[in-house]
Amino acid sequence: MVQTLVCALFSAAAVGAESKSLQIFFVDVEGGQATLVVTPSGQSLLIDTGWPGFGGRDAGRIVSAAKAAGADRIDYVLITHFHRDHV
């Protein structure tokens, strides 16, 4: 199911987006997991969200990665499993 979602997102994004490239950011969430994918058309997918708490540390890092990618929002969020360091 995860592969289907990711493939569908990338396939749809590839249409009409010839000059840009796929961007993948592995966000440093210190022991957790957070990966931001931004397609050539500008759609974004966040895979896992890092640790909760810590004064919003991980959320801030994800926002910084999104800004670096030129994304002004996260279009899709995919949680791979419900361990604390992924949600």
N, C-alpha and C. Protein backbone atom coordinates (compact mmCIF):
# COMPACT_ATOMS: atom_id res chain seq x y z
N MET A 1 0.83 -1.19 0.00
CA MET A 1 0.00 0.00 0.00
C MET A 1 0.88 1.26 0.00
N VAL A 2 1.91 1.26 0.80
CA VAL A 2 2.82 2.41 0.86
C VAL A 2 3.46 2.63 -0.50
N GLN A 3 3.93 1.56 -1.11
CA GLN A 3 4.57 1.69 -2.42
C GLN A 3 3.60 2.22 -3.46
N THR A 4 2.35 1.79 -3.40
CA THR A 4 1.34 2.27 -4.34
C THR A 4 1.12 3.76 -4.19
N LEU A 5 1.01 4.23 -2.95
CA LEU A 5 0.81 5.66 -2.70
C LEU A 5 1.98 6.48 -3.22
N VAL A 6 3.18 6.05 -2.90
CA VAL A 6 4.37 6.78 -3.33
C VAL A 6 4.49 6.77 -4.85
N CYS A 7 4.26 5.62 -5.49
CA CYS A 7 4.34 5.54 -6.96
C CYS A 7 3.29 6.42 -7.61
N ALA A 8 2.08 6.43 -7.08
CA ALA A 8 1.02 7.26 -7.64
C ALA A 8 1.36 8.74 -7.52
N LEU A 9 1.89 9.13 -6.39
CA LEU A 9 2.28 10.53 -6.18
C LEU A 9 3.37 10.94 -7.15
N PHE A 10 4.39 10.11 -7.31
CA PHE A 10 5.49 10.44 -8.21
C PHE A 10 5.05 10.43 -9.66
N SER A 11 4.18 9.51 -10.04
CA SER A 11 3.71 9.44 -11.42
C SER A 11 2.90 10.67 -11.78
N ALA A 12 2.02 11.07 -10.89
CA ALA A 12 1.20 12.25 -11.15
C ALA A 12 2.06 13.51 -11.19
N ALA A 13 3.08 13.55 -10.38
CA ALA A 13 3.94 14.74 -10.31
C ALA A 13 4.83 14.87 -11.53
N ALA A 14 5.13 13.79 -12.18
CA ALA A 14 6.06 13.81 -13.31
C ALA A 14 5.47 14.47 -14.55
N VAL A 15 4.16 14.50 -14.65
CA VAL A 15 3.50 15.08 -15.81
C VAL A 15 3.66 16.59 -15.79
N GLY A 16 4.28 17.16 -16.81
CA GLY A 16 4.41 18.60 -16.95
C GLY A 16 5.48 19.24 -16.08
N ALA A 17 6.31 18.46 -15.45
CA ALA A 17 7.35 19.03 -14.59
C ALA A 17 8.72 18.59 -15.10
N GLU A 18 9.09 19.10 -16.25
CA GLU A 18 10.29 18.62 -16.92
C GLU A 18 11.59 19.19 -16.37
N SER A 19 11.58 20.43 -15.91
CA SER A 19 12.84 21.08 -15.55
C SER A 19 13.25 20.90 -14.09
N LYS A 20 12.37 20.43 -13.24
CA LYS A 20 12.69 20.27 -11.83
C LYS A 20 13.00 18.80 -11.53
N SER A 21 13.59 18.57 -10.38
CA SER A 21 13.91 17.19 -10.00
C SER A 21 13.23 16.83 -8.68
N LEU A 22 13.15 15.55 -8.43
CA LEU A 22 12.61 15.04 -7.19
C LEU A 22 13.59 15.37 -6.06
N GLN A 23 13.07 15.88 -4.95
CA GLN A 23 13.91 16.21 -3.81
C GLN A 23 13.54 15.32 -2.63
N ILE A 24 14.54 14.75 -1.97
CA ILE A 24 14.30 13.91 -0.80
C ILE A 24 15.17 14.45 0.33
N PHE A 25 14.54 14.76 1.46
CA PHE A 25 15.23 15.28 2.63
C PHE A 25 15.09 14.28 3.77
N PHE A 26 16.21 13.82 4.29
CA PHE A 26 16.21 12.97 5.47
C PHE A 26 16.44 13.91 6.66
N VAL A 27 15.37 14.18 7.39
CA VAL A 27 15.40 15.19 8.44
C VAL A 27 16.02 14.60 9.71
N ASP A 28 16.98 15.31 10.28
CA ASP A 28 17.64 14.88 11.51
C ASP A 28 16.69 15.06 12.69
N VAL A 29 16.12 13.96 13.16
CA VAL A 29 15.23 14.00 14.31
C VAL A 29 15.81 13.19 15.47
N GLU A 30 17.12 13.04 15.47
CA GLU A 30 17.88 12.45 16.57
C GLU A 30 17.31 11.14 17.10
N GLY A 31 17.41 10.11 16.30
CA GLY A 31 16.99 8.78 16.72
C GLY A 31 15.63 8.37 16.19
N GLY A 32 14.85 9.31 15.71
CA GLY A 32 13.56 9.00 15.13
C GLY A 32 13.67 8.95 13.62
N GLN A 33 12.56 9.10 12.96
CA GLN A 33 12.55 9.05 11.50
C GLN A 33 11.63 10.13 10.96
N ALA A 34 12.08 10.85 9.95
CA ALA A 34 11.25 11.80 9.21
C ALA A 34 11.91 12.02 7.86
N THR A 35 11.16 11.76 6.81
CA THR A 35 11.66 11.94 5.45
C THR A 35 10.67 12.78 4.68
N LEU A 36 11.15 13.84 4.07
CA LEU A 36 10.30 14.73 3.27
C LEU A 36 10.64 14.54 1.80
N VAL A 37 9.61 14.23 1.01
CA VAL A 37 9.77 14.06 -0.43
C VAL A 37 8.99 15.18 -1.10
N VAL A 38 9.64 15.92 -2.00
CA VAL A 38 8.98 16.99 -2.75
C VAL A 38 9.14 16.65 -4.23
N THR A 39 8.01 16.53 -4.90
CA THR A 39 8.00 16.14 -6.31
C THR A 39 8.33 17.33 -7.21
N PRO A 40 8.65 17.07 -8.46
CA PRO A 40 8.93 18.16 -9.40
C PRO A 40 7.77 19.15 -9.55
N SER A 41 6.55 18.69 -9.34
CA SER A 41 5.40 19.60 -9.45
C SER A 41 5.13 20.35 -8.16
N GLY A 42 5.90 20.06 -7.10
CA GLY A 42 5.74 20.79 -5.85
C GLY A 42 4.93 20.09 -4.78
N GLN A 43 4.37 18.92 -5.08
CA GLN A 43 3.63 18.19 -4.05
C GLN A 43 4.62 17.62 -3.04
N SER A 44 4.18 17.55 -1.79
CA SER A 44 5.09 17.07 -0.74
C SER A 44 4.47 15.91 0.03
N LEU A 45 5.33 15.00 0.43
CA LEU A 45 4.95 13.83 1.21
C LEU A 45 5.92 13.73 2.37
N LEU A 46 5.40 13.73 3.58
CA LEU A 46 6.21 13.54 4.78
C LEU A 46 6.01 12.11 5.25
N ILE A 47 7.10 11.34 5.30
CA ILE A 47 7.04 9.97 5.77
C ILE A 47 7.58 9.96 7.20
N ASP A 48 6.70 9.70 8.14
CA ASP A 48 6.97 9.74 9.58
C ASP A 48 7.29 11.17 10.02
N THR A 49 7.14 11.42 11.32
CA THR A 49 7.21 12.80 11.81
C THR A 49 8.18 13.02 12.96
N GLY A 50 8.98 12.01 13.29
CA GLY A 50 9.95 12.18 14.37
C GLY A 50 9.31 12.09 15.74
N TRP A 51 10.06 12.53 16.74
CA TRP A 51 9.62 12.46 18.13
C TRP A 51 8.65 13.59 18.45
N PRO A 52 7.62 13.30 19.26
CA PRO A 52 6.76 14.37 19.76
C PRO A 52 7.48 15.09 20.91
N GLY A 53 7.01 16.21 21.27
CA GLY A 53 7.60 16.91 22.41
C GLY A 53 8.90 17.62 22.07
N PHE A 54 9.78 17.70 23.04
CA PHE A 54 11.07 18.40 22.91
C PHE A 54 10.87 19.85 22.48
N GLY A 55 9.78 20.46 22.91
CA GLY A 55 9.54 21.86 22.59
C GLY A 55 9.33 22.11 21.10
N GLY A 56 8.85 21.11 20.38
CA GLY A 56 8.61 21.27 18.95
C GLY A 56 9.87 21.17 18.11
N ARG A 57 10.95 20.62 18.68
CA ARG A 57 12.24 20.53 17.98
C ARG A 57 12.10 19.85 16.62
N ASP A 58 11.50 18.66 16.58
CA ASP A 58 11.43 17.92 15.32
C ASP A 58 10.50 18.59 14.32
N ALA A 59 9.39 19.14 14.81
CA ALA A 59 8.48 19.86 13.92
C ALA A 59 9.19 21.05 13.28
N GLY A 60 9.99 21.75 14.07
CA GLY A 60 10.75 22.88 13.54
C GLY A 60 11.74 22.46 12.47
N ARG A 61 12.36 21.32 12.68
CA ARG A 61 13.32 20.82 11.68
C ARG A 61 12.61 20.41 10.39
N ILE A 62 11.43 19.84 10.52
CA ILE A 62 10.65 19.46 9.33
C ILE A 62 10.22 20.72 8.58
N VAL A 63 9.78 21.74 9.30
CA VAL A 63 9.40 23.01 8.67
C VAL A 63 10.59 23.62 7.94
N SER A 64 11.76 23.57 8.54
CA SER A 64 12.97 24.11 7.90
C SER A 64 13.29 23.36 6.61
N ALA A 65 13.15 22.03 6.63
CA ALA A 65 13.39 21.23 5.43
C ALA A 65 12.38 21.57 4.34
N ALA A 66 11.12 21.76 4.73
CA ALA A 66 10.08 22.11 3.76
C ALA A 66 10.38 23.47 3.12
N LYS A 67 10.79 24.43 3.93
CA LYS A 67 11.14 25.75 3.39
C LYS A 67 12.33 25.66 2.45
N ALA A 68 13.33 24.85 2.81
CA ALA A 68 14.50 24.68 1.94
C ALA A 68 14.11 24.07 0.60
N ALA A 69 13.05 23.26 0.60
CA ALA A 69 12.58 22.62 -0.63
C ALA A 69 11.62 23.52 -1.41
N GLY A 70 11.25 24.66 -0.83
CA GLY A 70 10.30 25.55 -1.49
C GLY A 70 8.85 25.13 -1.30
N ALA A 71 8.60 24.24 -0.35
CA ALA A 71 7.23 23.78 -0.08
C ALA A 71 6.62 24.67 1.00
N ASP A 72 5.43 25.19 0.75
CA ASP A 72 4.78 26.02 1.76
C ASP A 72 3.76 25.24 2.59
N ARG A 73 3.62 23.94 2.29
CA ARG A 73 2.73 23.08 3.06
C ARG A 73 3.14 21.63 2.82
N ILE A 74 2.65 20.74 3.68
CA ILE A 74 2.84 19.31 3.51
C ILE A 74 1.52 18.77 2.96
N ASP A 75 1.56 18.20 1.76
CA ASP A 75 0.34 17.72 1.13
C ASP A 75 -0.12 16.37 1.66
N TYR A 76 0.82 15.49 1.95
CA TYR A 76 0.49 14.14 2.41
C TYR A 76 1.41 13.76 3.57
N VAL A 77 0.86 13.01 4.52
CA VAL A 77 1.65 12.47 5.62
C VAL A 77 1.41 10.97 5.67
N LEU A 78 2.49 10.22 5.74
CA LEU A 78 2.41 8.77 5.82
C LEU A 78 3.14 8.32 7.08
N ILE A 79 2.42 7.68 7.98
CA ILE A 79 3.02 7.13 9.20
C ILE A 79 3.24 5.64 8.95
N THR A 80 4.49 5.20 8.99
CA THR A 80 4.79 3.80 8.66
C THR A 80 4.38 2.85 9.76
N HIS A 81 4.50 3.27 11.00
CA HIS A 81 4.05 2.48 12.13
C HIS A 81 4.00 3.38 13.36
N PHE A 82 3.33 2.93 14.39
CA PHE A 82 3.03 3.81 15.51
C PHE A 82 4.01 3.69 16.68
N HIS A 83 5.29 3.63 16.39
CA HIS A 83 6.30 3.76 17.45
C HIS A 83 6.48 5.25 17.71
N ARG A 84 6.77 5.58 18.93
CA ARG A 84 6.85 6.98 19.36
C ARG A 84 7.83 7.82 18.54
N ASP A 85 8.90 7.23 18.04
CA ASP A 85 9.89 8.00 17.29
C ASP A 85 9.52 8.18 15.82
N HIS A 86 8.34 7.75 15.44
CA HIS A 86 7.87 7.91 14.06
C HIS A 86 6.60 8.75 13.98
N VAL A 87 5.95 9.00 15.11
CA VAL A 87 4.72 9.78 15.11
C VAL A 87 4.88 10.99 15.98
